[in-house]
Amino acid sequence: MITYRRFQFSRLSYCLIALFLTLHAIGAHYTYAEVPFGYWLKEVFALSRNPFDRMVHFAYGALLAYPFREWLVRLAKVEGVWSYYFPVSAILAQSALFEVIEAVVAVLVSPELGTLYLGTQGDEWDAQKDMAAALAGAVLAMSATWASSRFAIVRAIAGAR
């Protein structure tokens, strides 16, 4: 891994990063709005659109918030509530930045095909929903991380008695 010599993430973080990159590669291969698994989900759950794009935005927050927190805690020595808040905030900020870059590229490259390129699938609120999905994933990941750390502390205290 590129980071291994300078910063060694935990195995869990490397697995989460690899899982996200796998989902991202699948989406890039088919284009997110055309992934066959998304069409299957659309049919099974009678959805109005292919949900794969939204799932990957959720996965962005859910899978990358933990490695980002690990990096903040170990390198920047961020502690307490801030170690849970900053990863969520960073995921939301990065998600917003990506949506803005996507929109600018679409307008510059082909204004007439912009919405097709963006893969909004007819949803004018697609960018906002994508950012909300990433936010929800990050909040879920940090909530689970916080809960598991509290559970470990409680177990350690109970075991010490």
Protein backbone atom coordinates (compact mmCIF):
# COMPACT_ATOMS: atom_id res chain seq x y z
CA MET A 1 0.00 0.00 0.00
CA ILE A 2 1.20 3.51 -0.75
CA THR A 3 0.80 4.74 2.83
CA TYR A 4 2.41 1.78 4.56
CA ARG A 5 5.94 3.19 4.96
CA ARG A 6 4.81 6.56 6.31
CA PHE A 7 1.62 5.59 8.13
CA GLN A 8 0.32 2.13 8.83
CA PHE A 9 -3.45 1.99 9.01
CA SER A 10 -5.10 -0.85 10.90
CA ARG A 11 -6.16 -3.92 8.95
CA LEU A 12 -9.77 -2.83 9.40
CA SER A 13 -9.04 0.53 7.76
CA TYR A 14 -7.25 -1.12 4.84
CA CYS A 15 -10.23 -3.46 4.36
CA LEU A 16 -12.69 -0.55 4.47
CA ILE A 17 -10.62 1.43 1.96
CA ALA A 18 -10.33 -1.60 -0.36
CA LEU A 19 -14.08 -2.21 -0.18
CA PHE A 20 -14.84 1.40 -1.07
CA LEU A 21 -12.35 1.38 -3.94
CA THR A 22 -13.94 -1.84 -5.25
CA LEU A 23 -17.41 -0.25 -5.26
CA HIS A 24 -15.95 2.87 -6.88
CA ALA A 25 -14.23 0.79 -9.60
CA ILE A 26 -17.49 -1.05 -10.37
CA GLY A 27 -19.33 2.28 -10.65
CA ALA A 28 -16.62 3.75 -12.85
CA HIS A 29 -16.65 0.70 -15.11
CA TYR A 30 -20.38 0.78 -15.84
CA THR A 31 -21.08 4.42 -14.91
CA TYR A 32 -22.92 4.60 -11.62
CA ALA A 33 -26.40 4.96 -13.08
CA GLU A 34 -25.94 1.84 -15.25
CA VAL A 35 -24.55 -0.75 -12.81
CA PRO A 36 -26.43 -4.05 -13.35
CA PHE A 37 -26.71 -4.77 -9.61
CA GLY A 38 -28.46 -1.41 -9.23
CA TYR A 39 -30.96 -2.37 -11.93
CA TRP A 40 -31.63 -5.60 -10.09
CA LEU A 41 -32.27 -3.66 -6.85
CA LYS A 42 -34.48 -1.23 -8.75
CA GLU A 43 -36.60 -4.10 -10.03
CA VAL A 44 -36.77 -6.07 -6.79
CA PHE A 45 -37.72 -3.08 -4.64
CA ALA A 46 -39.78 -1.27 -7.32
CA LEU A 47 -37.58 1.82 -7.14
CA SER A 48 -37.82 4.74 -9.54
CA ARG A 49 -34.06 4.84 -10.21
CA ASN A 50 -30.91 2.74 -10.10
CA PRO A 51 -29.76 3.11 -6.47
CA PHE A 52 -26.12 2.07 -6.94
CA ASP A 53 -24.89 5.67 -7.14
CA ARG A 54 -26.60 6.59 -3.88
CA MET A 55 -25.30 3.41 -2.24
CA VAL A 56 -21.71 4.31 -3.14
CA HIS A 57 -22.17 7.82 -1.73
CA PHE A 58 -23.41 6.24 1.51
CA ALA A 59 -20.47 3.82 1.41
CA TYR A 60 -18.08 6.75 0.96
CA GLY A 61 -19.09 8.05 4.37
CA ALA A 62 -19.59 4.67 6.02
CA LEU A 63 -16.33 3.13 4.83
CA LEU A 64 -13.91 6.06 4.83
CA ALA A 65 -14.84 7.96 8.01
CA TYR A 66 -13.18 5.31 10.21
CA PRO A 67 -9.78 5.38 8.42
CA PHE A 68 -9.89 9.18 8.44
CA ARG A 69 -10.58 9.15 12.20
CA GLU A 70 -7.72 6.69 12.71
CA TRP A 71 -5.40 9.02 10.84
CA LEU A 72 -6.57 12.05 12.88
CA VAL A 73 -6.22 10.26 16.22
CA ARG A 74 -2.78 8.81 15.56
CA LEU A 75 -1.10 11.61 13.61
CA ALA A 76 -2.87 14.79 14.66
CA LYS A 77 -3.58 13.54 18.20
CA VAL A 78 -7.24 14.58 17.96
CA GLU A 79 -9.16 13.33 20.99
CA GLY A 80 -12.64 13.15 22.46
CA VAL A 81 -15.74 14.27 20.63
CA TRP A 82 -13.62 16.04 18.01
CA SER A 83 -12.22 12.69 16.84
CA TYR A 84 -15.77 11.72 15.88
CA TYR A 85 -16.92 15.12 14.60
CA PHE A 86 -14.00 15.90 12.25
CA PRO A 87 -14.31 12.74 10.11
CA VAL A 88 -18.04 13.39 9.61
CA SER A 89 -17.36 17.02 8.76
CA ALA A 90 -14.56 16.10 6.35
CA ILE A 91 -16.70 13.49 4.56
CA LEU A 92 -19.48 16.05 4.08
CA ALA A 93 -17.05 18.73 2.86
CA GLN A 94 -15.35 16.34 0.42
CA SER A 95 -18.69 15.10 -0.83
CA ALA A 96 -19.83 18.66 -1.50
CA LEU A 97 -16.55 19.45 -3.27
CA PHE A 98 -16.90 16.39 -5.52
CA GLU A 99 -20.48 17.36 -6.43
CA VAL A 100 -19.36 20.89 -7.35
CA ILE A 101 -16.45 19.58 -9.42
CA GLU A 102 -18.80 17.14 -11.19
CA ALA A 103 -21.20 19.97 -12.08
CA VAL A 104 -18.42 22.25 -13.35
CA VAL A 105 -16.92 19.48 -15.49
CA ALA A 106 -20.35 18.65 -16.92
CA VAL A 107 -20.95 22.29 -17.92
CA LEU A 108 -17.45 22.75 -19.38
CA VAL A 109 -17.25 19.47 -21.31
CA SER A 110 -20.76 19.21 -22.69
CA PRO A 111 -23.48 21.59 -21.48
CA GLU A 112 -26.17 19.85 -23.54
CA LEU A 113 -25.33 16.44 -22.07
CA GLY A 114 -24.64 17.68 -18.53
CA THR A 115 -27.48 15.92 -16.73
CA LEU A 116 -26.75 12.69 -18.60
CA TYR A 117 -23.09 12.90 -17.54
CA LEU A 118 -24.04 13.64 -13.94
CA GLY A 119 -26.28 10.57 -13.80
CA THR A 120 -29.06 12.40 -11.96
CA GLN A 121 -31.62 10.03 -13.48
CA GLY A 122 -34.18 12.84 -13.58
CA ASP A 123 -33.74 13.87 -9.93
CA GLU A 124 -33.08 17.59 -9.63
CA TRP A 125 -32.01 17.10 -5.99
CA ASP A 126 -29.54 14.31 -6.81
CA ALA A 127 -26.43 16.21 -5.64
CA GLN A 128 -28.01 17.13 -2.31
CA LYS A 129 -29.27 13.57 -1.75
CA ASP A 130 -25.81 12.19 -2.59
CA MET A 131 -24.22 14.49 -0.01
CA ALA A 132 -26.87 13.50 2.54
CA ALA A 133 -26.14 9.82 1.86
CA ALA A 134 -22.41 10.35 2.48
CA LEU A 135 -23.23 12.29 5.65
CA ALA A 136 -25.53 9.51 6.87
CA GLY A 137 -22.86 6.89 6.21
CA ALA A 138 -20.24 8.90 8.12
CA VAL A 139 -22.59 9.53 11.06
CA LEU A 140 -23.43 5.82 11.19
CA ALA A 141 -19.74 4.85 11.08
CA MET A 142 -18.75 7.28 13.81
CA SER A 143 -21.75 6.32 15.96
CA ALA A 144 -20.77 2.65 15.67
CA THR A 145 -17.13 3.49 16.40
CA TRP A 146 -18.11 5.50 19.48
CA ALA A 147 -20.48 2.77 20.70
CA SER A 148 -17.88 0.03 20.24
CA SER A 149 -15.25 2.05 22.12
CA ARG A 150 -17.71 2.64 24.99
CA PHE A 151 -18.61 -1.05 25.05
CA ALA A 152 -14.91 -1.99 25.20
CA ILE A 153 -14.36 0.41 28.09
CA VAL A 154 -17.34 -0.99 29.99
CA ARG A 155 -16.10 -4.56 29.42
CA ALA A 156 -12.61 -3.62 30.59
CA ILE A 157 -13.97 -2.01 33.78
CA ALA A 158 -16.26 -4.98 34.45
CA GLY A 159 -13.38 -7.41 33.90
CA ALA A 160 -11.15 -5.48 36.31
CA ARG A 161 -13.54 -6.04 39.21
